[in-house]
Amino acid sequence: VTNVPAYGTESVAQFVFALLLELCHQIGRHGDSVRSGDWAKAVDFSYTLTPQIELWGKTMGIVGYGRIGRQVVRLAEAFGMRVLVSGRPGKAGGNEDSGVRRVSLEQLLAESDVVSLHCPLTAETEGLINRERLALMKPSAFLINTARGGLLQEQDVADALNEGRLAGAALDVLAAEPPAADHPLVHAPRCIITPHMAWAAVEARERLMSIAAGNVAAFLEGRPVNTVVPHNR
């Protein structure tokens, strides 16, 4: 048994920032406003429908520090953001990389302006972001999930958005996909939901097919690679 590791690392990390920049600038909404004629009617040469938010100097919290989490850290640092990292819930440790601090999940949630989830769904992480942990976050914070939908207690996130306790959420994954028409997050304010597409850049798909084909070729040549189960079992 083989797998295809790391084919989507760059694609997913880039998508995190596509979601984050949309939360910061509401680009789609402003583009729609221009198409509807609002700019033509405006008195000034420039207008905004929402507060525009700069990332420089903000704190980004990364929950899960595998390949994708590390790539998100690199991009966050390029934007001039301070970065905090948490591994599994409640565990704190030392510095991992230059400019990155590893802290407890509770400290990360309390200090971060942006929380981005990059951990696997396990018995320990299921429902990780719930009402109690959302209460630790700043009301001005954004929550991004491109990992697994089950990391969220989705009704709790919807409640936080509806009650103004969370500034915005951007989710590429949900616990059940596609969502039902009455899913609480579909109708929550300031919530972006995309159809599990973070992995799907053209280049990532090409890497996926190339590595998978290479796995098959290597197996046929008697030198299996990327094995999950040892070949001699």
Protein backbone atom coordinates (compact mmCIF):
# COMPACT_ATOMS: atom_id res chain seq x y z
CA VAL A 1 0.00 0.00 0.00
CA THR A 2 1.40 3.39 -0.99
CA ASN A 3 0.26 6.97 -0.66
CA VAL A 4 0.99 10.30 -2.33
CA PRO A 5 2.56 12.58 0.28
CA ALA A 6 2.82 16.37 0.13
CA TYR A 7 1.28 16.87 -3.33
CA GLY A 8 -1.06 19.61 -2.07
CA THR A 9 1.10 21.42 0.50
CA GLU A 10 1.66 24.60 -1.50
CA SER A 11 -1.87 24.63 -2.91
CA VAL A 12 -3.54 24.39 0.50
CA ALA A 13 -1.23 26.94 2.11
CA GLN A 14 -1.87 29.41 -0.71
CA PHE A 15 -5.62 28.85 -0.37
CA VAL A 16 -5.43 29.70 3.33
CA PHE A 17 -4.28 33.16 2.35
CA ALA A 18 -6.84 33.45 -0.44
CA LEU A 19 -9.50 32.91 2.22
CA LEU A 20 -7.80 35.22 4.70
CA LEU A 21 -7.42 38.05 2.21
CA GLU A 22 -11.08 37.73 1.26
CA LEU A 23 -12.00 38.05 4.94
CA CYS A 24 -9.75 41.11 5.24
CA HIS A 25 -10.88 42.91 2.09
CA GLN A 26 -14.22 41.42 0.96
CA ILE A 27 -12.96 41.61 -2.62
CA GLY A 28 -15.89 39.72 -4.10
CA ARG A 29 -18.42 42.01 -2.44
CA HIS A 30 -16.64 45.13 -3.69
CA GLY A 31 -16.38 43.72 -7.20
CA ASP A 32 -20.12 42.99 -7.17
CA SER A 33 -20.73 46.54 -5.96
CA VAL A 34 -18.82 47.99 -8.91
CA ARG A 35 -20.72 45.76 -11.37
CA SER A 36 -24.01 46.92 -9.88
CA GLY A 37 -23.10 50.56 -10.60
CA ASP A 38 -22.27 51.75 -7.08
CA TRP A 39 -18.89 53.21 -8.06
CA ALA A 40 -20.41 55.13 -10.95
CA LYS A 41 -22.76 56.79 -8.45
CA ALA A 42 -20.13 57.43 -5.78
CA VAL A 43 -19.14 60.98 -4.87
CA ASP A 44 -15.53 60.06 -4.10
CA PHE A 45 -13.01 58.26 -6.31
CA SER A 46 -12.69 55.50 -3.70
CA TYR A 47 -15.07 53.81 -1.28
CA THR A 48 -15.18 50.77 0.96
CA LEU A 49 -18.17 48.77 2.12
CA THR A 50 -16.31 47.11 4.99
CA PRO A 51 -13.29 47.96 7.16
CA GLN A 52 -10.10 47.01 5.32
CA ILE A 53 -7.72 45.00 7.50
CA GLU A 54 -3.94 44.87 7.17
CA LEU A 55 -2.09 41.67 8.10
CA TRP A 56 1.24 43.30 8.92
CA GLY A 57 1.91 43.01 12.65
CA LYS A 58 -1.08 40.76 13.32
CA THR A 59 -0.70 37.42 15.08
CA MET A 60 -1.46 34.20 13.24
CA GLY A 61 -2.00 31.01 15.23
CA ILE A 62 -1.29 27.71 13.50
CA VAL A 63 -2.88 24.64 15.09
CA GLY A 64 -0.95 21.66 13.73
CA TYR A 65 2.63 21.94 12.50
CA GLY A 66 3.05 19.42 9.72
CA ARG A 67 4.02 20.17 6.13
CA ILE A 68 1.06 22.44 5.43
CA GLY A 69 1.28 24.22 8.77
CA ARG A 70 4.95 24.97 8.17
CA GLN A 71 4.24 26.34 4.69
CA VAL A 72 1.49 28.57 6.10
CA VAL A 73 4.01 29.87 8.64
CA ARG A 74 6.40 30.82 5.81
CA LEU A 75 3.66 32.76 4.03
CA ALA A 76 2.50 34.43 7.24
CA GLU A 77 6.03 35.61 7.93
CA ALA A 78 6.24 37.02 4.40
CA PHE A 79 3.17 39.13 5.25
CA GLY A 80 4.95 40.44 8.35
CA MET A 81 2.81 38.49 10.78
CA ARG A 82 3.82 37.21 14.21
CA VAL A 83 3.32 33.45 14.34
CA LEU A 84 2.28 31.16 17.18
CA VAL A 85 2.14 27.38 16.83
CA SER A 86 0.29 24.78 18.88
CA GLY A 87 0.50 21.04 18.53
CA ARG A 88 -2.06 18.83 20.17
CA PRO A 89 -4.46 20.52 22.62
CA GLY A 90 -2.98 21.79 25.86
CA LYS A 91 0.66 21.01 25.04
CA ALA A 92 3.32 23.72 25.12
CA GLY A 93 6.93 23.41 24.15
CA GLY A 94 9.99 25.27 22.97
CA ASN A 95 10.70 27.21 19.81
CA GLU A 96 10.41 25.20 16.59
CA ASP A 97 11.85 27.59 14.01
CA SER A 98 13.21 31.10 13.93
CA GLY A 99 10.40 33.55 14.65
CA VAL A 100 7.92 30.82 15.63
CA ARG A 101 6.78 30.26 19.19
CA ARG A 102 5.13 27.03 20.29
CA VAL A 103 2.48 27.70 22.93
CA SER A 104 -0.54 26.01 24.44
CA LEU A 105 -3.73 25.95 22.42
CA GLU A 106 -5.39 28.18 24.99
CA GLN A 107 -2.69 30.85 24.70
CA LEU A 108 -2.76 30.64 20.92
CA LEU A 109 -6.51 31.19 20.79
CA ALA A 110 -6.35 34.12 23.19
CA GLU A 111 -3.54 35.97 21.41
CA SER A 112 -4.20 35.28 17.73
CA ASP A 113 -5.90 37.60 15.27
CA VAL A 114 -6.15 34.68 12.84
CA VAL A 115 -6.46 31.00 13.80
CA SER A 116 -5.77 28.47 11.03
CA LEU A 117 -6.33 24.75 11.59
CA HIS A 118 -3.90 22.19 10.13
CA CYS A 119 -4.20 19.12 12.34
CA PRO A 120 -5.62 15.68 11.55
CA LEU A 121 -9.03 14.57 12.76
CA THR A 122 -8.52 12.18 15.66
CA ALA A 123 -10.39 11.26 18.81
CA GLU A 124 -8.37 13.98 20.54
CA THR A 125 -9.06 16.73 18.00
CA GLU A 126 -12.70 16.04 17.10
CA GLY A 127 -14.76 19.08 18.07
CA LEU A 128 -11.57 20.91 19.04
CA ILE A 129 -13.00 24.35 18.36
CA ASN A 130 -16.09 24.47 20.54
CA ARG A 131 -18.01 27.09 22.51
CA GLU A 132 -15.50 27.11 25.36
CA ARG A 133 -12.49 27.57 23.09
CA LEU A 134 -14.25 30.12 20.89
CA ALA A 135 -14.83 32.14 24.07
CA LEU A 136 -11.04 32.44 24.42
CA MET A 137 -10.71 34.10 21.02
CA LYS A 138 -10.81 37.83 20.34
CA PRO A 139 -14.15 39.05 18.94
CA SER A 140 -12.07 40.58 16.13
CA ALA A 141 -10.42 37.26 15.20
CA PHE A 142 -10.83 35.17 12.07
CA LEU A 143 -11.05 31.36 12.01
CA ILE A 144 -9.84 29.38 8.97
CA ASN A 145 -10.24 25.64 8.45
CA THR A 146 -8.73 23.84 5.46
CA ALA A 147 -8.01 20.63 7.40
CA ARG A 148 -11.02 18.54 8.46
CA GLY A 149 -14.58 19.67 9.12
CA GLY A 150 -14.88 17.57 12.26
CA LEU A 151 -12.36 19.79 14.05
CA LEU A 152 -15.20 22.27 14.61
CA GLN A 153 -18.36 22.11 16.64
CA GLU A 154 -20.14 23.75 13.73
CA GLN A 155 -23.20 24.99 15.60
CA ASP A 156 -20.93 26.66 18.15
CA VAL A 157 -19.06 28.47 15.37
CA ALA A 158 -22.34 29.57 13.78
CA ASP A 159 -23.54 30.86 17.16
CA ALA A 160 -20.32 32.84 17.64
CA LEU A 161 -20.74 34.45 14.22
CA ASN A 162 -24.42 35.20 14.74
CA GLU A 163 -23.76 36.73 18.15
CA GLY A 164 -20.78 38.84 17.05
CA ARG A 165 -18.26 36.91 19.15
CA LEU A 166 -16.19 36.01 16.07
CA ALA A 167 -15.35 38.45 13.29
CA GLY A 168 -15.34 35.90 10.48
CA ALA A 169 -14.78 32.31 9.43
CA ALA A 170 -13.53 30.79 6.19
CA LEU A 171 -14.08 27.06 5.81
CA ASP A 172 -13.06 24.78 2.95
CA VAL A 173 -14.21 21.67 4.81
CA LEU A 174 -17.31 20.67 6.76
CA ALA A 175 -18.19 17.63 8.84
CA ALA A 176 -20.72 16.51 6.18
CA GLU A 177 -20.12 17.48 2.57
CA PRO A 178 -21.89 18.93 0.74
CA PRO A 179 -23.84 20.75 3.46
CA ALA A 180 -27.60 20.57 3.77
CA ALA A 181 -29.52 23.67 2.75
CA ASP A 182 -30.33 24.41 6.38
CA HIS A 183 -26.77 23.95 7.67
CA PRO A 184 -26.20 26.65 10.31
CA LEU A 185 -22.93 27.86 8.80
CA VAL A 186 -24.37 28.26 5.30
CA HIS A 187 -26.52 31.10 6.58
CA ALA A 188 -24.17 32.52 9.22
CA PRO A 189 -22.91 36.08 8.66
CA ARG A 190 -19.29 36.71 7.71
CA CYS A 191 -18.78 33.05 6.87
CA ILE A 192 -17.10 31.92 3.65
CA ILE A 193 -17.60 28.28 2.66
CA THR A 194 -15.79 26.81 -0.34
CA PRO A 195 -16.30 23.31 -1.80
CA HIS A 196 -13.26 21.40 -0.45
CA MET A 197 -11.04 22.88 -3.15
CA ALA A 198 -7.91 24.03 -1.30
CA TRP A 199 -5.94 21.03 -2.58
CA ALA A 200 -7.08 21.34 -6.17
CA ALA A 201 -4.65 23.70 -7.91
CA VAL A 202 -3.74 22.50 -11.39
CA GLU A 203 -0.14 22.00 -10.33
CA ALA A 204 -1.16 19.98 -7.26
CA ARG A 205 -3.33 17.69 -9.39
CA GLU A 206 -0.42 17.18 -11.77
CA ARG A 207 1.88 16.30 -8.86
CA LEU A 208 -0.73 13.88 -7.52
CA MET A 209 -0.97 12.00 -10.81
CA SER A 210 2.79 12.05 -11.38
CA ILE A 211 3.62 10.68 -7.92
CA ALA A 212 0.85 8.05 -8.13
CA ALA A 213 2.13 6.88 -11.51
CA GLY A 214 5.65 6.80 -10.10
CA ASN A 215 4.46 4.65 -7.19
CA VAL A 216 2.99 2.10 -9.61
CA ALA A 217 6.09 2.08 -11.80
CA ALA A 218 8.38 1.65 -8.80
CA PHE A 219 6.29 -1.25 -7.50
CA LEU A 220 6.40 -3.00 -10.87
CA GLU A 221 10.18 -2.59 -10.88
CA GLY A 222 10.43 -4.20 -7.43
CA ARG A 223 11.46 -1.06 -5.56
CA PRO A 224 8.28 0.25 -3.92
CA VAL A 225 8.29 3.85 -2.68
CA ASN A 226 5.98 5.90 -0.47
CA THR A 227 4.85 2.72 1.25
CA VAL A 228 2.34 2.82 4.09
CA VAL A 229 2.45 -0.94 4.71
CA PRO A 230 5.91 -2.53 4.33
CA HIS A 231 6.21 -4.43 1.04
CA ASN A 232 7.52 -7.60 2.72
CA ARG A 233 4.54 -8.07 5.05
